[in-house]
N, C-alpha and C. Protein backbone atom coordinates (compact mmCIF):
# COMPACT_ATOMS: atom_id res chain seq x y z
N UNK A 1 3.03 14.12 -9.50
CA UNK A 1 2.90 13.93 -8.09
C UNK A 1 1.48 14.19 -7.76
N UNK A 2 1.13 13.49 -6.54
CA UNK A 2 -0.34 13.58 -6.14
C UNK A 2 -0.29 14.77 -5.15
N UNK A 3 -1.46 15.59 -5.26
CA UNK A 3 -1.51 16.71 -4.44
C UNK A 3 -2.13 16.17 -3.11
N UNK A 4 -1.50 16.78 -2.03
CA UNK A 4 -1.90 16.39 -0.54
C UNK A 4 -2.70 17.52 -0.15
N UNK A 5 -3.58 17.16 0.87
CA UNK A 5 -4.36 18.32 1.54
C UNK A 5 -3.27 18.82 2.58
N UNK A 6 -3.43 19.85 3.35
CA UNK A 6 -2.62 20.18 4.22
C UNK A 6 -2.28 19.25 5.34
N UNK A 7 -3.48 18.68 5.82
CA UNK A 7 -3.34 17.66 6.91
C UNK A 7 -2.52 16.63 6.50
N UNK A 8 -2.81 16.02 5.16
CA UNK A 8 -1.94 14.90 4.84
C UNK A 8 -0.57 15.16 4.66
N UNK A 9 -0.29 16.49 4.04
CA UNK A 9 1.06 16.97 3.97
C UNK A 9 1.87 17.16 5.57
N UNK A 10 1.33 17.45 6.56
CA UNK A 10 1.76 17.54 7.74
C UNK A 10 1.96 16.00 8.32
N UNK A 11 0.99 15.19 8.04
CA UNK A 11 0.98 13.85 8.46
C UNK A 11 2.09 13.05 7.75
N UNK A 12 2.39 13.46 6.44
CA UNK A 12 3.59 12.60 5.72
C UNK A 12 4.81 13.17 6.33
N UNK A 13 4.91 14.50 6.66
CA UNK A 13 5.85 14.96 7.52
C UNK A 13 6.15 14.32 8.82
N UNK A 14 5.08 14.09 9.48
CA UNK A 14 5.15 13.23 10.95
C UNK A 14 5.60 11.84 10.68
N UNK A 15 5.11 11.13 9.58
CA UNK A 15 5.52 9.87 9.21
C UNK A 15 7.34 9.83 8.91
N UNK A 16 7.61 10.76 8.30
CA UNK A 16 9.14 11.10 7.86
C UNK A 16 9.72 11.25 9.42
N UNK A 17 9.38 12.11 10.12
CA UNK A 17 10.09 12.27 11.47
C UNK A 17 10.22 10.77 12.33
N UNK A 18 9.08 10.13 12.29
CA UNK A 18 8.92 8.88 12.84
C UNK A 18 9.80 7.88 12.43
N UNK A 19 9.97 7.60 11.10
CA UNK A 19 10.75 6.64 10.51
C UNK A 19 12.45 7.21 10.85
N UNK A 20 12.70 8.45 10.94
CA UNK A 20 13.89 8.92 11.06
C UNK A 20 14.23 8.62 12.33
N UNK A 21 13.35 8.96 13.30
CA UNK A 21 13.64 8.58 14.86
C UNK A 21 13.97 7.33 15.00
N UNK A 22 13.30 6.20 14.63
CA UNK A 22 13.49 4.80 14.93
C UNK A 22 14.60 4.41 14.37
N UNK A 23 15.08 4.92 13.03
CA UNK A 23 16.04 4.38 12.27
C UNK A 23 17.48 4.99 13.02
N UNK A 24 17.28 6.09 13.53
CA UNK A 24 18.62 6.73 13.94
C UNK A 24 18.89 6.27 15.45
N UNK A 25 17.85 6.07 16.17
CA UNK A 25 17.76 5.73 17.62
C UNK A 25 17.98 4.23 17.84
N UNK A 26 17.81 3.50 16.91
CA UNK A 26 17.95 1.98 17.20
C UNK A 26 18.95 1.41 16.34
N UNK A 27 20.18 1.96 16.76
CA UNK A 27 21.27 1.28 15.87
C UNK A 27 21.70 -0.22 16.23
N UNK A 28 21.21 -0.63 17.32
CA UNK A 28 21.31 -2.07 17.61
C UNK A 28 20.40 -3.05 17.04
N UNK A 29 19.31 -2.30 16.44
CA UNK A 29 18.25 -3.25 15.82
C UNK A 29 17.59 -4.15 16.89
N UNK A 30 17.18 -3.49 17.93
CA UNK A 30 16.37 -4.16 18.90
C UNK A 30 15.03 -4.30 18.39
N UNK A 31 14.57 -5.64 18.12
CA UNK A 31 13.36 -5.97 17.55
C UNK A 31 12.08 -5.55 18.19
N UNK A 32 12.12 -5.42 19.62
CA UNK A 32 11.09 -5.13 20.25
C UNK A 32 10.92 -3.62 20.24
N UNK A 33 11.64 -2.80 20.20
CA UNK A 33 11.64 -1.33 19.92
C UNK A 33 11.23 -1.05 18.52
N UNK A 34 11.79 -1.88 17.62
CA UNK A 34 11.28 -1.62 16.29
C UNK A 34 9.83 -1.97 15.74
N UNK A 35 9.39 -3.12 16.54
CA UNK A 35 7.96 -3.57 16.47
C UNK A 35 7.04 -2.42 16.90
N UNK A 36 7.40 -2.00 17.96
CA UNK A 36 6.50 -0.85 18.68
C UNK A 36 6.39 0.43 17.77
N UNK A 37 7.56 0.57 17.01
CA UNK A 37 7.66 1.78 15.93
C UNK A 37 6.86 1.50 14.75
N UNK A 38 7.20 0.25 14.44
CA UNK A 38 6.62 -0.15 13.15
C UNK A 38 4.89 -0.06 13.10
N UNK A 39 4.52 -0.45 14.29
CA UNK A 39 2.93 -0.45 14.40
C UNK A 39 2.70 0.88 14.33
N UNK A 40 3.22 1.81 15.08
CA UNK A 40 2.94 3.41 15.09
C UNK A 40 3.08 3.78 13.60
N UNK A 41 4.02 3.51 12.97
CA UNK A 41 4.31 3.99 11.47
C UNK A 41 3.11 3.42 10.67
N UNK A 42 2.73 2.03 10.83
CA UNK A 42 1.75 1.41 9.94
C UNK A 42 0.42 2.25 10.25
N UNK A 43 0.17 2.57 11.54
CA UNK A 43 -1.10 3.20 11.84
C UNK A 43 -1.05 4.62 11.14
N UNK A 44 0.02 5.34 11.33
CA UNK A 44 0.00 6.68 10.53
C UNK A 44 -0.06 6.58 9.19
N UNK A 45 0.46 5.55 8.63
CA UNK A 45 0.12 5.35 7.15
C UNK A 45 -1.50 5.27 6.75
N UNK A 46 -1.96 4.46 7.72
CA UNK A 46 -3.48 4.50 7.43
C UNK A 46 -4.14 5.68 7.79
N UNK A 47 -3.70 6.40 8.71
CA UNK A 47 -4.32 7.68 8.98
C UNK A 47 -4.16 8.93 7.97
N UNK A 48 -2.99 8.71 7.04
CA UNK A 48 -2.78 9.75 6.31
C UNK A 48 -3.79 9.57 5.02
N UNK A 49 -4.02 8.24 4.64
CA UNK A 49 -4.98 7.92 3.56
C UNK A 49 -5.50 6.61 3.74
N UNK A 50 -6.52 6.37 4.52
CA UNK A 50 -7.26 5.13 4.95
C UNK A 50 -7.30 4.42 3.78
N UNK A 51 -8.32 4.87 2.71
CA UNK A 51 -8.56 4.01 1.84
C UNK A 51 -7.22 3.86 0.59
N UNK A 52 -6.06 4.54 0.93
CA UNK A 52 -5.02 4.58 -0.05
C UNK A 52 -5.38 5.18 -1.32
N UNK A 53 -4.49 5.12 -2.21
CA UNK A 53 -4.76 5.65 -3.54
C UNK A 53 -5.05 4.53 -4.62
N UNK A 54 -6.23 4.58 -4.80
CA UNK A 54 -6.87 3.75 -5.88
C UNK A 54 -6.37 3.48 -7.22
N UNK A 55 -5.87 2.41 -7.66
CA UNK A 55 -5.40 2.27 -9.05
C UNK A 55 -6.40 2.26 -10.02
N UNK A 56 -7.79 1.97 -9.48
CA UNK A 56 -8.76 2.14 -10.50
C UNK A 56 -9.01 0.28 -10.90
N UNK A 57 -8.27 -0.43 -10.27
CA UNK A 57 -8.42 -1.76 -10.54
C UNK A 57 -9.23 -2.40 -9.50
N UNK A 58 -10.03 -3.40 -10.06
CA UNK A 58 -10.91 -4.19 -9.04
C UNK A 58 -10.82 -5.51 -9.34
N UNK A 59 -10.97 -6.58 -8.49
CA UNK A 59 -10.99 -7.75 -8.83
C UNK A 59 -12.27 -8.29 -9.40
N UNK A 60 -12.31 -9.24 -10.24
CA UNK A 60 -13.43 -9.69 -11.04
C UNK A 60 -14.47 -10.06 -10.03
N UNK A 61 -14.07 -10.77 -8.61
CA UNK A 61 -15.19 -11.17 -7.71
C UNK A 61 -15.77 -9.76 -7.17
N UNK A 62 -15.08 -8.81 -6.91
CA UNK A 62 -15.52 -7.65 -6.36
C UNK A 62 -16.56 -7.01 -7.15
N UNK A 63 -16.27 -6.84 -8.51
CA UNK A 63 -17.13 -6.21 -9.45
C UNK A 63 -18.55 -6.74 -9.39
N UNK A 64 -18.52 -8.03 -9.19
CA UNK A 64 -19.81 -8.63 -9.12
C UNK A 64 -20.59 -8.52 -7.65
N UNK A 65 -19.94 -7.98 -6.70
CA UNK A 65 -20.44 -7.90 -5.34
C UNK A 65 -20.68 -6.48 -5.07
N UNK A 66 -21.74 -6.14 -4.38
CA UNK A 66 -22.31 -4.70 -3.96
C UNK A 66 -21.46 -4.20 -3.01
N UNK A 67 -21.36 -2.89 -2.98
CA UNK A 67 -20.72 -2.15 -1.79
C UNK A 67 -21.65 -2.58 -0.55
N UNK A 68 -21.55 -2.63 0.63
CA UNK A 68 -20.10 -2.74 1.27
C UNK A 68 -19.42 -3.99 1.32
N UNK A 69 -19.59 -4.85 0.54
CA UNK A 69 -18.98 -6.12 0.45
C UNK A 69 -17.48 -6.20 -0.22
N UNK A 70 -17.09 -5.16 -0.82
CA UNK A 70 -15.68 -4.90 -1.26
C UNK A 70 -15.16 -4.04 -0.40
N UNK A 71 -13.72 -4.01 -0.36
CA UNK A 71 -12.95 -3.30 0.38
C UNK A 71 -11.86 -2.81 -0.44
N UNK A 72 -11.05 -1.64 -0.09
CA UNK A 72 -9.77 -1.21 -0.64
C UNK A 72 -8.66 -1.96 0.12
N UNK A 73 -7.95 -2.83 -0.67
CA UNK A 73 -6.75 -3.74 -0.38
C UNK A 73 -5.47 -3.00 -0.39
N UNK A 74 -4.83 -2.51 0.70
CA UNK A 74 -3.46 -2.01 0.43
C UNK A 74 -2.59 -3.06 -0.16
N UNK A 75 -2.36 -2.95 -1.64
CA UNK A 75 -1.49 -3.78 -2.20
C UNK A 75 -0.28 -4.32 -1.52
N UNK A 76 0.30 -3.11 -0.93
CA UNK A 76 1.71 -3.37 -0.27
C UNK A 76 1.30 -3.22 1.24
N UNK A 77 1.13 -4.44 1.93
CA UNK A 77 0.81 -4.09 3.44
C UNK A 77 1.41 -2.95 4.30
N UNK A 78 0.70 -2.33 5.09
CA UNK A 78 1.26 -1.29 5.73
C UNK A 78 2.34 -1.55 6.79
N UNK A 79 2.39 -2.93 7.34
CA UNK A 79 3.37 -3.19 8.26
C UNK A 79 4.62 -3.42 7.36
N UNK A 80 4.38 -4.05 6.15
CA UNK A 80 5.51 -4.17 5.26
C UNK A 80 6.43 -3.07 4.84
N UNK A 81 5.35 -1.96 4.65
CA UNK A 81 5.63 -0.60 4.22
C UNK A 81 6.75 0.10 5.39
N UNK A 82 5.98 -0.09 6.38
CA UNK A 82 6.71 0.34 7.64
C UNK A 82 8.08 -0.07 7.69
N UNK A 83 8.14 -1.46 7.69
CA UNK A 83 9.48 -2.18 7.63
C UNK A 83 10.43 -1.58 6.55
N UNK A 84 9.81 -1.47 5.60
CA UNK A 84 10.66 -1.10 4.28
C UNK A 84 11.21 0.33 4.63
N UNK A 85 10.55 1.40 4.91
CA UNK A 85 10.79 2.47 5.29
C UNK A 85 11.86 2.69 6.29
N UNK A 86 11.70 1.94 7.41
CA UNK A 86 12.78 1.91 8.34
C UNK A 86 14.16 1.26 7.93
N UNK A 87 13.96 0.31 7.24
CA UNK A 87 15.20 -0.30 6.54
C UNK A 87 16.08 0.48 5.45
N UNK A 88 15.03 0.93 4.78
CA UNK A 88 15.54 2.18 3.91
C UNK A 88 16.28 3.22 4.30
N UNK A 89 15.73 3.85 5.40
CA UNK A 89 16.49 4.88 5.88
C UNK A 89 17.71 4.67 6.72
N UNK A 90 17.67 3.40 7.48
CA UNK A 90 18.92 3.07 8.04
C UNK A 90 20.18 2.64 7.27
N UNK A 91 19.89 2.15 5.84
CA UNK A 91 20.76 1.94 5.01
C UNK A 91 21.10 3.27 4.20
N UNK A 92 20.27 4.00 3.81
CA UNK A 92 20.62 5.20 3.18
C UNK A 92 19.58 6.06 3.26
N UNK A 93 19.65 6.97 4.30
CA UNK A 93 18.47 8.10 4.63
C UNK A 93 17.95 8.66 3.41
N UNK A 94 16.61 8.77 3.34
CA UNK A 94 15.87 9.49 2.42
C UNK A 94 15.72 10.92 2.81
N UNK A 95 15.18 11.73 2.02
CA UNK A 95 14.41 12.88 2.32
C UNK A 95 12.90 13.11 2.42
N UNK A 96 12.50 14.06 3.05
CA UNK A 96 11.10 14.33 3.21
C UNK A 96 10.51 14.36 1.65
N UNK A 97 11.07 14.86 0.90
CA UNK A 97 10.68 15.11 -0.61
C UNK A 97 10.43 13.84 -1.16
N UNK A 98 11.51 12.89 -1.02
CA UNK A 98 11.48 11.48 -1.54
C UNK A 98 10.07 10.88 -1.08
N UNK A 99 9.99 10.96 0.46
CA UNK A 99 8.75 10.31 0.89
C UNK A 99 7.51 10.87 0.46
N UNK A 100 7.35 12.12 0.24
CA UNK A 100 6.13 12.71 -0.34
C UNK A 100 6.04 12.30 -1.75
N UNK A 101 7.10 12.11 -2.57
CA UNK A 101 6.91 11.62 -4.02
C UNK A 101 6.46 10.18 -3.95
N UNK A 102 7.00 9.35 -3.17
CA UNK A 102 6.65 7.91 -3.28
C UNK A 102 5.70 7.39 -2.16
N UNK A 103 5.13 8.15 -1.23
CA UNK A 103 4.09 7.63 -0.45
C UNK A 103 2.98 7.17 -1.29
N UNK A 104 2.35 7.75 -2.39
CA UNK A 104 1.44 7.39 -3.02
C UNK A 104 1.42 5.93 -3.44
N UNK A 105 2.86 5.55 -3.99
CA UNK A 105 3.02 4.33 -4.51
C UNK A 105 2.94 3.21 -3.35
N UNK A 106 3.49 3.75 -2.28
CA UNK A 106 3.52 2.67 -1.10
C UNK A 106 2.15 2.62 -0.50
N UNK A 107 1.14 3.27 -0.90
CA UNK A 107 -0.15 3.28 -0.21
C UNK A 107 -1.33 2.90 -1.32
N UNK A 108 -0.87 2.20 -2.41
CA UNK A 108 -1.51 1.85 -3.52
C UNK A 108 -2.72 0.76 -3.13
N UNK A 109 -3.99 1.13 -3.63
CA UNK A 109 -5.04 0.13 -3.21
C UNK A 109 -5.81 -0.32 -4.49
N UNK A 110 -6.31 -1.70 -4.25
CA UNK A 110 -7.17 -2.30 -5.30
C UNK A 110 -8.40 -2.70 -4.78
N UNK A 111 -9.59 -2.49 -5.27
CA UNK A 111 -10.85 -3.00 -4.51
C UNK A 111 -10.93 -4.64 -4.85
N UNK A 112 -11.19 -5.26 -3.71
CA UNK A 112 -11.29 -6.58 -3.72
C UNK A 112 -12.41 -6.95 -2.65
N UNK A 113 -12.83 -8.20 -2.79
CA UNK A 113 -14.04 -8.43 -1.73
C UNK A 113 -13.41 -8.70 -0.28
N UNK A 114 -14.27 -8.67 0.71
CA UNK A 114 -13.94 -8.87 2.03
C UNK A 114 -13.10 -10.21 2.15
N UNK A 115 -13.71 -11.24 1.57
CA UNK A 115 -13.06 -12.46 1.57
C UNK A 115 -11.58 -12.52 1.07
N UNK A 116 -11.62 -11.91 -0.23
CA UNK A 116 -10.17 -11.96 -0.75
C UNK A 116 -9.23 -10.94 0.13
N UNK A 117 -9.87 -10.00 0.68
CA UNK A 117 -8.75 -9.23 1.51
C UNK A 117 -8.42 -10.01 2.73
N UNK A 118 -9.17 -10.90 3.11
CA UNK A 118 -8.74 -11.70 4.33
C UNK A 118 -7.82 -12.60 4.01
N UNK A 119 -7.93 -13.28 2.82
CA UNK A 119 -6.86 -14.23 2.28
C UNK A 119 -5.57 -13.59 1.73
N UNK A 120 -5.68 -12.41 1.33
CA UNK A 120 -4.48 -11.66 0.94
C UNK A 120 -3.68 -11.31 2.25
N UNK A 121 -4.33 -11.02 3.38
CA UNK A 121 -3.80 -10.63 4.53
C UNK A 121 -3.05 -11.94 5.10
N UNK A 122 -3.61 -12.98 5.08
CA UNK A 122 -2.84 -14.24 5.43
C UNK A 122 -1.74 -14.64 4.64
N UNK A 123 -1.83 -14.58 3.33
CA UNK A 123 -0.82 -14.78 2.48
C UNK A 123 0.40 -13.96 2.60
N UNK A 124 0.09 -12.69 3.17
CA UNK A 124 1.40 -11.64 2.95
C UNK A 124 2.08 -11.70 4.06
N UNK A 125 1.75 -12.39 5.16
CA UNK A 125 2.30 -12.39 6.49
C UNK A 125 3.75 -12.45 6.47
N UNK A 126 4.26 -13.19 5.65
CA UNK A 126 5.66 -13.47 5.58
C UNK A 126 6.40 -13.06 4.17
N UNK A 127 5.76 -12.22 3.52
CA UNK A 127 6.35 -11.72 2.30
C UNK A 127 7.09 -10.34 2.13
N UNK A 128 7.89 -10.41 1.60
CA UNK A 128 8.72 -9.03 1.70
C UNK A 128 8.03 -8.03 0.60
N UNK A 129 8.50 -6.75 0.75
CA UNK A 129 7.87 -5.84 -0.29
C UNK A 129 8.39 -6.00 -1.80
N UNK A 130 9.39 -6.79 -1.98
CA UNK A 130 9.79 -6.99 -3.28
C UNK A 130 8.77 -8.08 -3.83
N UNK A 131 8.39 -9.04 -3.13
CA UNK A 131 7.34 -9.98 -3.43
C UNK A 131 6.06 -9.50 -3.44
N UNK A 132 5.84 -8.62 -2.78
CA UNK A 132 4.28 -8.04 -2.90
C UNK A 132 4.37 -6.96 -4.37
N UNK A 133 5.35 -6.31 -4.63
CA UNK A 133 5.56 -5.60 -5.83
C UNK A 133 5.38 -6.33 -6.90
N UNK A 134 5.86 -7.73 -6.81
CA UNK A 134 5.71 -8.67 -7.89
C UNK A 134 4.33 -9.23 -8.03
N UNK A 135 3.45 -8.85 -7.15
CA UNK A 135 2.05 -9.24 -6.90
C UNK A 135 1.93 -10.95 -6.68
N UNK A 136 2.73 -11.40 -5.90
CA UNK A 136 2.88 -12.80 -5.73
C UNK A 136 1.63 -13.15 -4.89
N UNK A 137 1.31 -12.24 -4.08
CA UNK A 137 0.09 -12.56 -3.07
C UNK A 137 -1.30 -12.51 -4.04
N UNK A 138 -1.37 -11.76 -4.83
CA UNK A 138 -2.43 -11.87 -5.83
C UNK A 138 -2.46 -13.19 -6.59
N UNK A 139 -1.25 -13.35 -7.04
CA UNK A 139 -1.20 -14.52 -8.02
C UNK A 139 -1.35 -15.79 -7.19
N UNK A 140 -0.96 -15.90 -5.83
CA UNK A 140 -1.28 -16.97 -5.04
C UNK A 140 -2.71 -17.28 -4.73
N UNK A 141 -3.38 -16.09 -4.54
CA UNK A 141 -4.80 -16.03 -4.19
C UNK A 141 -5.49 -16.24 -5.40
N UNK A 142 -5.20 -16.29 -6.73
CA UNK A 142 -5.77 -16.46 -7.94
C UNK A 142 -6.55 -15.34 -8.22
N UNK A 143 -6.31 -14.07 -7.86
CA UNK A 143 -7.25 -12.99 -7.98
C UNK A 143 -6.74 -12.49 -9.38
N UNK A 144 -8.00 -12.17 -10.39
CA UNK A 144 -7.94 -11.61 -11.63
C UNK A 144 -8.35 -10.11 -11.38
N UNK A 145 -7.87 -9.29 -12.16
CA UNK A 145 -8.26 -7.90 -12.16
C UNK A 145 -8.81 -7.21 -13.39
N UNK A 146 -9.73 -6.13 -13.19
CA UNK A 146 -10.20 -5.41 -14.28
C UNK A 146 -10.16 -3.89 -14.01
N UNK A 147 -10.04 -3.26 -15.06
CA UNK A 147 -10.14 -1.67 -14.70
C UNK A 147 -11.69 -1.36 -14.37
N UNK A 148 -11.88 -0.38 -13.58
CA UNK A 148 -13.11 -0.02 -13.20
C UNK A 148 -13.66 1.00 -14.00
N UNK A 149 -14.74 0.62 -14.65
CA UNK A 149 -15.11 1.68 -15.56
C UNK A 149 -15.89 2.88 -14.92
N UNK A 150 -16.07 2.81 -13.78
CA UNK A 150 -16.71 3.95 -13.10
C UNK A 150 -15.96 5.25 -13.07
N UNK A 151 -16.70 6.41 -13.16
CA UNK A 151 -16.05 7.68 -13.01
C UNK A 151 -16.38 8.28 -11.55
N UNK A 152 -17.10 7.49 -10.71
CA UNK A 152 -17.29 7.63 -9.40
C UNK A 152 -16.12 7.52 -8.41
N UNK A 153 -15.12 6.69 -8.77
CA UNK A 153 -14.10 6.35 -8.08
C UNK A 153 -13.05 7.33 -8.57
N UNK A 154 -12.19 7.85 -7.47
CA UNK A 154 -11.02 8.84 -7.83
C UNK A 154 -9.91 7.90 -7.89
N UNK A 155 -9.57 7.92 -9.33
CA UNK A 155 -8.37 6.90 -9.73
C UNK A 155 -6.98 7.65 -9.91
N UNK A 156 -6.15 6.83 -9.70
CA UNK A 156 -4.73 7.22 -9.85
C UNK A 156 -3.98 6.10 -10.64
N UNK A 157 -4.33 6.05 -12.10
CA UNK A 157 -3.95 4.98 -13.06
C UNK A 157 -2.50 5.10 -13.18
N UNK A 158 -1.77 6.20 -12.75
CA UNK A 158 -0.19 6.18 -12.96
C UNK A 158 0.31 5.14 -11.83
N UNK A 159 -0.31 4.82 -10.93
CA UNK A 159 0.12 3.82 -9.73
C UNK A 159 0.01 2.40 -10.26
N UNK A 160 -0.63 2.16 -11.46
CA UNK A 160 -0.80 0.72 -11.79
C UNK A 160 0.52 0.27 -12.38
N UNK A 161 1.12 -0.77 -11.97
CA UNK A 161 2.48 -1.33 -12.21
C UNK A 161 2.37 -2.14 -13.28
N UNK A 162 3.39 -2.69 -14.14
CA UNK A 162 3.43 -3.75 -15.05
C UNK A 162 3.03 -5.00 -14.32
N UNK A 163 3.55 -5.09 -13.25
CA UNK A 163 3.13 -6.46 -12.47
C UNK A 163 1.54 -6.55 -12.28
N UNK A 164 0.99 -5.35 -11.82
CA UNK A 164 -0.51 -5.43 -11.90
C UNK A 164 -1.26 -5.66 -13.11
N UNK A 165 -0.57 -4.93 -14.20
CA UNK A 165 -1.14 -5.12 -15.57
C UNK A 165 -1.29 -6.72 -16.07
N UNK A 166 -0.25 -7.39 -15.62
CA UNK A 166 -0.36 -8.86 -15.98
C UNK A 166 -1.49 -9.73 -15.29
N UNK A 167 -2.10 -9.22 -14.32
CA UNK A 167 -3.24 -9.85 -13.57
C UNK A 167 -4.57 -9.26 -14.08
N UNK A 168 -4.57 -8.16 -15.07
CA UNK A 168 -5.73 -7.70 -15.76
C UNK A 168 -6.20 -8.47 -16.76
N UNK A 169 -7.41 -8.78 -16.76
CA UNK A 169 -8.37 -9.63 -17.71
C UNK A 169 -8.22 -8.93 -19.06
N UNK A 170 -7.84 -9.59 -19.98
CA UNK A 170 -7.68 -9.15 -21.45
C UNK A 170 -9.06 -8.20 -21.89
N UNK A 171 -10.14 -9.03 -21.22
CA UNK A 171 -11.42 -8.17 -21.74
C UNK A 171 -11.76 -6.98 -20.94
N UNK A 172 -11.05 -6.55 -20.16
CA UNK A 172 -11.17 -5.54 -19.13
C UNK A 172 -11.45 -4.09 -19.89
N UNK A 173 -12.39 -3.43 -19.10
CA UNK A 173 -12.86 -2.25 -19.87
C UNK A 173 -12.01 -1.04 -19.16
N UNK A 174 -11.41 -0.08 -19.96
CA UNK A 174 -10.41 0.83 -19.51
C UNK A 174 -11.11 2.18 -19.42
């Protein structure tokens, strides 16, 4: 498990409360109501950990680019994660502890160029979380990854999935 700051812990608790509220109060699945809450939940996800939890992976193009021309891409878009959490809670309510344990996985990031990030944002508009977890958006965008050799980046290598590893260049430095 990843350690949270006190502020992050409180914010994950607030996230849980928001998901619980929208899931329980919106029994009729009013899409306008859910959209408004989804937006708030998405923003809170960003507020908890704006740059997400870095896998230590970087696109080959981003490695060739100097900062600030690369960005942290939320592998699973915040809007899709918000939809997932609402749907999951409606179908089978989860606990705060479950959210605390799984939030880092849902806020996983990979360094990409700004251009790649824009392309990924466009590609993911109609994708499900399952498709994102299969890395279909990175495959469609033709993005190859490598492991970041830098020790300056706080990395959470335990968040690298098998699907992400399939996109890692075989000559990558670990």
